[in-house]
Amino acid sequence: IPLRGCSIDIHPNARWKQNGLTVAGGNEQGNEINQLSNPLGLYVDDDQTVYVADQSNHRIVEWKSGAASGQVVAGGNGKGNGVHQLSDPFDVIVDKERDSLIISDSLNCRVVRWSRRNGTSRETIFSNIVCVGLTMDVNGSLYVVDSGQAKVRRYRRGEYQGTVAAGGNGQGNRLDRLNGPRHVFVDRDHSVYVSDLGNHRVMKWMEGAKEGIVVAGGQGEGNGLTQLSFPQGVVVDQLGTVYVADRGNARVMRWLNGATQGSVIVGGNGKGGQSNQLYDPFGLSFDKHGNLYVVDNVNNRVQKFNIEFNG
């Protein structure tokens, strides 16, 4: 199963409950263990444990399914560049093979690994990279969005140079360029999907391609069904349907493979804090059952939307 993907086939007409359940945070902004502050990326484990990049608290917090509060599993020692610190972390994933967290430590311009077994084993994997979103493919290759260089880099296990998997031709709106890339998803064929924030589109780069394909948005910023506004998290299902956190429009959209317009699957009810609303949705993930998790940034919470109809 691709990271953040799901093991079930999701029907093109699947529906999710419109009222989300808060599974992390939701107790206003703060630094207590039951609070979040500007959360960005997330990772959902097989048992529905949620890991959140709690940006302004400079920590990664783990919330077990049904828990009323989280547990700090990385950082939380103030903002800084020490080995025990993080600075505005953007994203987090779990490397199951090495039982560790891989974290995009954005303001420190480094990607770091923290052991899950004993919180003391830490290492910097890559440095000097303006890193935002990250993911891993089924072979264990790591993909890091380098926002400063407007590209996505792929690092095979043991590699430190990496190769360009998307973008890398400077900033711009041509098909071979990105403008403020943010989140990344990689499917089973090693195709890379990246939210191209400044171009209000999601791009797909097939392995080895010299340019990408627009798979969502790309019609300028707006709130029409053909448009996106500063897109963030992106996930893709087995059929190639693209799901994107349409941040500026406070909604999550679905774009079927090859479609020229999308449909709203959750949110889209204005910016707000009700259970059917979002306010700056960021990270996006499925669990293996097809339930959708959305980091609701301004509301300082993670919302879970249960799949209701599939087929």
Protein backbone atom coordinates (compact mmCIF):
# COMPACT_ATOMS: atom_id res chain seq x y z
CA ILE A 1 0.00 0.00 0.00
CA PRO A 2 1.47 3.42 -0.83
CA LEU A 3 2.21 5.60 2.18
CA ARG A 4 -0.97 7.52 3.19
CA GLY A 5 -2.94 5.41 0.71
CA CYS A 6 -5.49 2.74 1.61
CA SER A 7 -5.78 -0.98 0.98
CA ILE A 8 -9.40 -0.95 -0.18
CA ASP A 9 -10.62 0.02 -3.63
CA ILE A 10 -12.48 3.29 -3.28
CA HIS A 11 -15.45 3.58 -5.61
CA PRO A 12 -15.46 6.73 -7.81
CA ASN A 13 -18.77 7.68 -6.17
CA ALA A 14 -17.72 6.89 -2.60
CA ARG A 15 -19.04 9.23 0.08
CA TRP A 16 -17.65 10.28 3.45
CA LYS A 17 -19.61 11.43 6.49
CA GLN A 18 -19.80 15.22 6.31
CA ASN A 19 -19.24 15.74 10.04
CA GLY A 20 -15.67 15.05 11.04
CA LEU A 21 -14.55 13.54 14.33
CA THR A 22 -11.68 15.28 16.09
CA VAL A 23 -8.91 12.71 16.64
CA ALA A 24 -6.12 15.10 17.71
CA GLY A 25 -6.16 18.57 19.23
CA GLY A 26 -9.36 20.57 19.00
CA ASN A 27 -8.86 22.20 22.39
CA GLU A 28 -7.89 25.62 21.04
CA GLN A 29 -4.33 26.62 20.24
CA GLY A 30 -1.70 25.88 22.87
CA ASN A 31 1.23 23.77 23.98
CA GLU A 32 -0.49 21.46 26.44
CA ILE A 33 -0.46 17.75 25.64
CA ASN A 34 -4.10 17.86 24.50
CA GLN A 35 -3.48 20.86 22.22
CA LEU A 36 -1.84 21.63 18.89
CA SER A 37 -0.45 24.86 17.46
CA ASN A 38 -0.45 25.30 13.68
CA PRO A 39 -0.34 21.59 12.80
CA LEU A 40 0.79 20.82 9.24
CA GLY A 41 1.60 17.27 8.09
CA LEU A 42 0.46 13.92 9.45
CA TYR A 43 0.95 10.18 9.21
CA VAL A 44 -1.66 7.55 10.12
CA ASP A 45 -0.40 4.14 11.29
CA ASP A 46 -2.11 0.78 10.70
CA ASP A 47 -3.80 0.93 14.11
CA GLN A 48 -5.10 4.46 13.37
CA THR A 49 -2.50 6.11 15.57
CA VAL A 50 -1.99 9.63 14.22
CA TYR A 51 1.38 11.38 14.16
CA VAL A 52 1.15 15.15 13.74
CA ALA A 53 3.80 17.72 12.85
CA ASP A 54 2.87 20.29 15.53
CA GLN A 55 4.67 23.18 13.88
CA SER A 56 4.55 26.05 16.34
CA ASN A 57 5.19 23.74 19.30
CA HIS A 58 8.27 22.40 17.47
CA ARG A 59 7.35 18.82 18.18
CA ILE A 60 5.85 15.64 16.76
CA VAL A 61 2.87 14.35 18.73
CA GLU A 62 1.44 10.84 18.64
CA TRP A 63 -2.29 10.42 19.26
CA LYS A 64 -3.54 6.89 19.77
CA SER A 65 -7.00 6.08 18.42
CA GLY A 66 -9.61 7.39 20.86
CA ALA A 67 -7.07 9.18 23.07
CA ALA A 68 -7.99 12.48 24.73
CA SER A 69 -4.41 13.73 24.58
CA GLY A 70 -1.22 13.03 22.73
CA GLN A 71 2.32 12.06 23.58
CA VAL A 72 5.42 13.96 22.43
CA VAL A 73 7.59 11.58 20.41
CA ALA A 74 10.09 14.06 18.93
CA GLY A 75 11.15 17.60 19.78
CA GLY A 76 9.13 19.49 22.36
CA ASN A 77 12.32 20.97 23.79
CA GLY A 78 11.78 24.48 22.50
CA LYS A 79 12.65 25.86 19.09
CA GLY A 80 16.26 25.27 18.13
CA ASN A 81 18.80 23.33 16.11
CA GLY A 82 20.11 21.01 18.80
CA VAL A 83 19.90 17.25 18.22
CA HIS A 84 17.02 17.09 20.71
CA GLN A 85 15.15 20.00 19.10
CA LEU A 86 13.01 20.78 16.05
CA SER A 87 12.19 24.10 14.44
CA ASP A 88 8.86 24.44 12.63
CA PRO A 89 8.55 20.78 11.59
CA PHE A 90 6.41 20.43 8.45
CA ASP A 91 5.86 16.71 7.96
CA VAL A 92 6.43 13.28 9.52
CA ILE A 93 6.32 9.66 8.36
CA VAL A 94 7.08 6.32 10.00
CA ASP A 95 9.84 4.13 8.57
CA LYS A 96 8.55 0.75 9.73
CA GLU A 97 11.63 -1.17 8.67
CA ARG A 98 13.81 0.87 11.03
CA ASP A 99 11.04 1.60 13.57
CA SER A 100 11.71 5.31 13.40
CA LEU A 101 10.15 8.65 12.56
CA ILE A 102 11.46 10.65 9.62
CA ILE A 103 10.78 14.35 10.10
CA SER A 104 10.96 17.36 7.84
CA ASP A 105 12.62 19.85 10.21
CA SER A 106 11.91 22.83 7.99
CA LEU A 107 13.49 25.87 9.60
CA ASN A 108 16.62 23.86 10.39
CA CYS A 109 16.74 22.87 6.70
CA ARG A 110 17.29 19.23 7.57
CA VAL A 111 15.55 15.86 7.46
CA VAL A 112 16.02 13.96 10.72
CA ARG A 113 15.38 10.45 12.00
CA TRP A 114 14.19 9.75 15.55
CA SER A 115 14.03 6.18 16.81
CA ARG A 116 10.62 5.04 18.05
CA ARG A 117 12.16 2.46 20.40
CA ASN A 118 14.21 4.80 22.54
CA GLY A 119 13.69 8.49 21.96
CA THR A 120 17.41 9.14 22.32
CA SER A 121 18.67 7.77 19.01
CA ARG A 122 18.59 10.66 16.52
CA GLU A 123 20.41 11.48 13.33
CA THR A 124 20.34 14.06 10.57
CA ILE A 125 19.77 12.27 7.25
CA PHE A 126 20.03 15.28 4.93
CA SER A 127 20.85 18.91 5.57
CA ASN A 128 20.90 22.18 3.60
CA ILE A 129 17.47 21.49 2.10
CA VAL A 130 14.37 23.68 2.44
CA CYS A 131 12.30 20.58 3.15
CA VAL A 132 8.53 20.48 3.42
CA GLY A 133 6.49 17.40 2.49
CA LEU A 134 7.96 13.91 2.51
CA THR A 135 6.98 10.33 1.79
CA MET A 136 8.47 6.91 1.13
CA ASP A 137 7.77 4.38 -1.62
CA VAL A 138 7.35 0.62 -1.25
CA ASN A 139 11.09 0.07 -1.88
CA GLY A 140 12.05 2.36 0.99
CA SER A 141 13.17 5.26 -1.20
CA LEU A 142 12.56 8.61 0.48
CA TYR A 143 10.99 11.52 -1.39
CA VAL A 144 11.53 15.03 -0.06
CA VAL A 145 9.95 18.22 -1.38
CA ASP A 146 12.71 20.84 -1.70
CA SER A 147 10.67 24.02 -1.79
CA GLY A 148 13.72 26.26 -2.14
CA GLN A 149 14.79 24.51 -5.35
CA ALA A 150 11.20 23.91 -6.54
CA LYS A 151 11.66 20.17 -6.90
CA VAL A 152 11.06 16.77 -5.36
CA ARG A 153 14.16 14.70 -4.62
CA ARG A 154 14.26 10.91 -4.44
CA TYR A 155 16.83 9.24 -2.19
CA ARG A 156 17.20 5.48 -2.48
CA ARG A 157 18.22 3.70 0.74
CA GLY A 158 21.80 4.62 1.58
CA GLU A 159 21.93 7.44 -0.97
CA TYR A 160 22.86 10.96 0.07
CA GLN A 161 22.84 12.86 -3.22
CA GLY A 162 19.42 11.93 -4.49
CA THR A 163 17.93 12.43 -7.94
CA VAL A 164 15.23 14.78 -9.18
CA ALA A 165 11.81 13.10 -9.26
CA ALA A 166 9.76 16.22 -10.16
CA GLY A 167 10.57 19.81 -11.08
CA GLY A 168 14.17 20.94 -10.85
CA ASN A 169 14.01 23.39 -13.75
CA GLY A 170 13.60 26.50 -11.65
CA GLN A 171 10.43 28.11 -10.40
CA GLY A 172 7.61 28.67 -12.87
CA ASN A 173 4.31 27.47 -14.29
CA ARG A 174 5.49 25.43 -17.27
CA LEU A 175 4.81 21.69 -17.14
CA ASP A 176 8.47 21.01 -16.26
CA ARG A 177 8.42 23.48 -13.36
CA LEU A 178 6.91 23.91 -9.93
CA ASN A 179 6.19 27.02 -7.89
CA GLY A 180 6.16 26.49 -4.14
CA PRO A 181 5.70 22.70 -4.04
CA ARG A 182 4.40 21.46 -0.69
CA HIS A 183 3.16 17.88 -0.21
CA VAL A 184 4.07 14.70 -2.07
CA PHE A 185 2.49 11.29 -2.67
CA VAL A 186 4.07 8.36 -4.53
CA ASP A 187 2.00 5.53 -6.01
CA ARG A 188 2.94 1.89 -6.65
CA ASP A 189 4.36 2.75 -10.09
CA HIS A 190 6.67 5.35 -8.51
CA SER A 191 4.69 8.19 -10.06
CA VAL A 192 5.11 11.33 -7.97
CA TYR A 193 2.14 13.58 -7.20
CA VAL A 194 2.99 17.00 -5.82
CA SER A 195 0.81 19.90 -4.70
CA ASP A 196 2.09 22.89 -6.67
CA LEU A 197 0.86 25.59 -4.33
CA GLY A 198 1.83 28.74 -6.26
CA ASN A 199 0.36 27.37 -9.49
CA HIS A 200 -2.86 26.19 -7.77
CA ARG A 201 -2.57 22.70 -9.24
CA VAL A 202 -1.52 19.13 -8.52
CA MET A 203 1.12 17.67 -10.84
CA LYS A 204 1.87 14.02 -11.62
CA TRP A 205 5.38 13.09 -12.72
CA MET A 206 5.77 9.56 -13.99
CA GLU A 207 9.07 7.87 -13.22
CA GLY A 208 11.76 9.25 -15.50
CA ALA A 209 9.49 11.91 -17.06
CA LYS A 210 10.92 15.26 -18.14
CA GLU A 211 7.70 17.11 -17.33
CA GLY A 212 4.55 16.62 -15.34
CA ILE A 213 0.84 16.29 -16.10
CA VAL A 214 -1.77 18.50 -14.44
CA VAL A 215 -4.15 16.14 -12.58
CA ALA A 216 -6.09 18.74 -10.55
CA GLY A 217 -6.58 22.49 -10.86
CA GLY A 218 -4.28 24.50 -13.09
CA GLN A 219 -7.04 26.96 -14.07
CA GLY A 220 -5.80 29.77 -11.86
CA GLU A 221 -6.76 30.40 -8.27
CA GLY A 222 -10.48 30.21 -7.59
CA ASN A 223 -13.32 28.29 -6.00
CA GLY A 224 -14.87 26.73 -9.11
CA LEU A 225 -14.86 22.95 -9.54
CA THR A 226 -12.04 23.27 -12.09
CA GLN A 227 -9.93 25.32 -9.68
CA LEU A 228 -7.89 25.10 -6.51
CA SER A 229 -6.63 27.74 -4.10
CA PHE A 230 -3.18 27.13 -2.56
CA PRO A 231 -3.49 23.30 -2.49
CA GLN A 232 -1.70 21.39 0.27
CA GLY A 233 -2.01 17.69 1.14
CA VAL A 234 -2.51 15.18 -1.67
CA VAL A 235 -3.30 11.45 -1.68
CA VAL A 236 -4.19 9.10 -4.52
CA ASP A 237 -6.19 5.86 -4.44
CA GLN A 238 -5.75 2.58 -6.34
CA LEU A 239 -7.76 3.88 -9.33
CA GLY A 240 -5.64 7.00 -9.66
CA THR A 241 -8.28 9.29 -8.17
CA VAL A 242 -6.57 12.36 -6.67
CA TYR A 243 -7.72 13.82 -3.35
CA VAL A 244 -6.41 17.26 -2.46
CA ALA A 245 -6.67 19.60 0.53
CA ASP A 246 -7.87 22.78 -1.16
CA ARG A 247 -6.64 25.06 1.58
CA GLY A 248 -7.92 28.45 0.41
CA ASN A 249 -11.38 27.04 -0.25
CA ALA A 250 -11.63 25.14 3.06
CA ARG A 251 -12.52 21.87 1.34
CA VAL A 252 -11.14 18.53 0.22
CA MET A 253 -11.66 17.75 -3.45
CA ARG A 254 -11.66 14.56 -5.49
CA TRP A 255 -10.46 14.48 -9.11
CA LEU A 256 -11.10 11.26 -11.00
CA ASN A 257 -8.32 9.99 -13.25
CA GLY A 258 -8.33 12.16 -16.40
CA ALA A 259 -11.12 14.48 -15.18
CA THR A 260 -11.06 18.19 -16.01
CA GLN A 261 -13.01 19.12 -12.90
CA GLY A 262 -13.30 17.84 -9.38
CA SER A 263 -16.00 17.40 -6.76
CA VAL A 264 -16.07 18.43 -3.10
CA ILE A 265 -16.02 15.44 -0.74
CA VAL A 266 -15.74 17.16 2.67
CA GLY A 267 -15.84 20.77 3.80
CA GLY A 268 -16.76 23.47 1.32
CA ASN A 269 -19.07 25.02 3.92
CA GLY A 270 -17.02 28.16 4.44
CA LYS A 271 -14.07 28.62 6.79
CA GLY A 272 -15.02 27.72 10.35
CA GLY A 273 -14.71 25.40 13.29
CA GLN A 274 -17.92 23.34 13.07
CA SER A 275 -17.63 19.60 12.48
CA ASN A 276 -18.63 20.02 8.82
CA GLN A 277 -16.15 22.85 8.28
CA LEU A 278 -12.43 23.23 7.79
CA TYR A 279 -10.17 26.25 8.08
CA ASP A 280 -6.94 25.94 6.08
CA PRO A 281 -6.78 22.16 5.57
CA PHE A 282 -3.17 20.99 5.26
CA GLY A 283 -2.02 17.38 5.58
CA LEU A 284 -4.17 14.58 4.18
CA SER A 285 -4.09 10.82 4.66
CA PHE A 286 -6.28 7.76 4.37
CA ASP A 287 -6.21 4.94 6.87
CA LYS A 288 -6.27 1.44 5.44
CA HIS A 289 -10.08 1.34 5.66
CA GLY A 290 -10.54 4.40 3.44
CA ASN A 291 -11.39 6.87 6.20
CA LEU A 292 -9.97 10.32 5.48
CA TYR A 293 -7.83 12.33 7.93
CA VAL A 294 -7.38 16.07 7.46
CA VAL A 295 -5.10 18.40 9.40
CA ASP A 296 -7.33 21.42 10.08
CA ASN A 297 -4.63 24.03 10.63
CA VAL A 298 -6.39 27.15 11.94
CA ASN A 299 -8.70 25.03 14.11
CA ASN A 300 -5.61 23.30 15.56
CA ARG A 301 -7.09 19.85 15.17
CA VAL A 302 -7.04 16.70 13.04
CA GLN A 303 -10.43 15.65 11.66
CA LYS A 304 -11.38 12.12 10.66
CA PHE A 305 -14.12 11.68 8.07
CA ASN A 306 -15.44 8.12 8.06
CA ILE A 307 -16.20 6.51 4.73
CA GLU A 308 -19.96 6.07 4.51
CA PHE A 309 -20.76 4.64 1.09
CA ASN A 310 -18.39 2.71 -1.16
CA GLY A 311 -19.88 1.20 -4.28
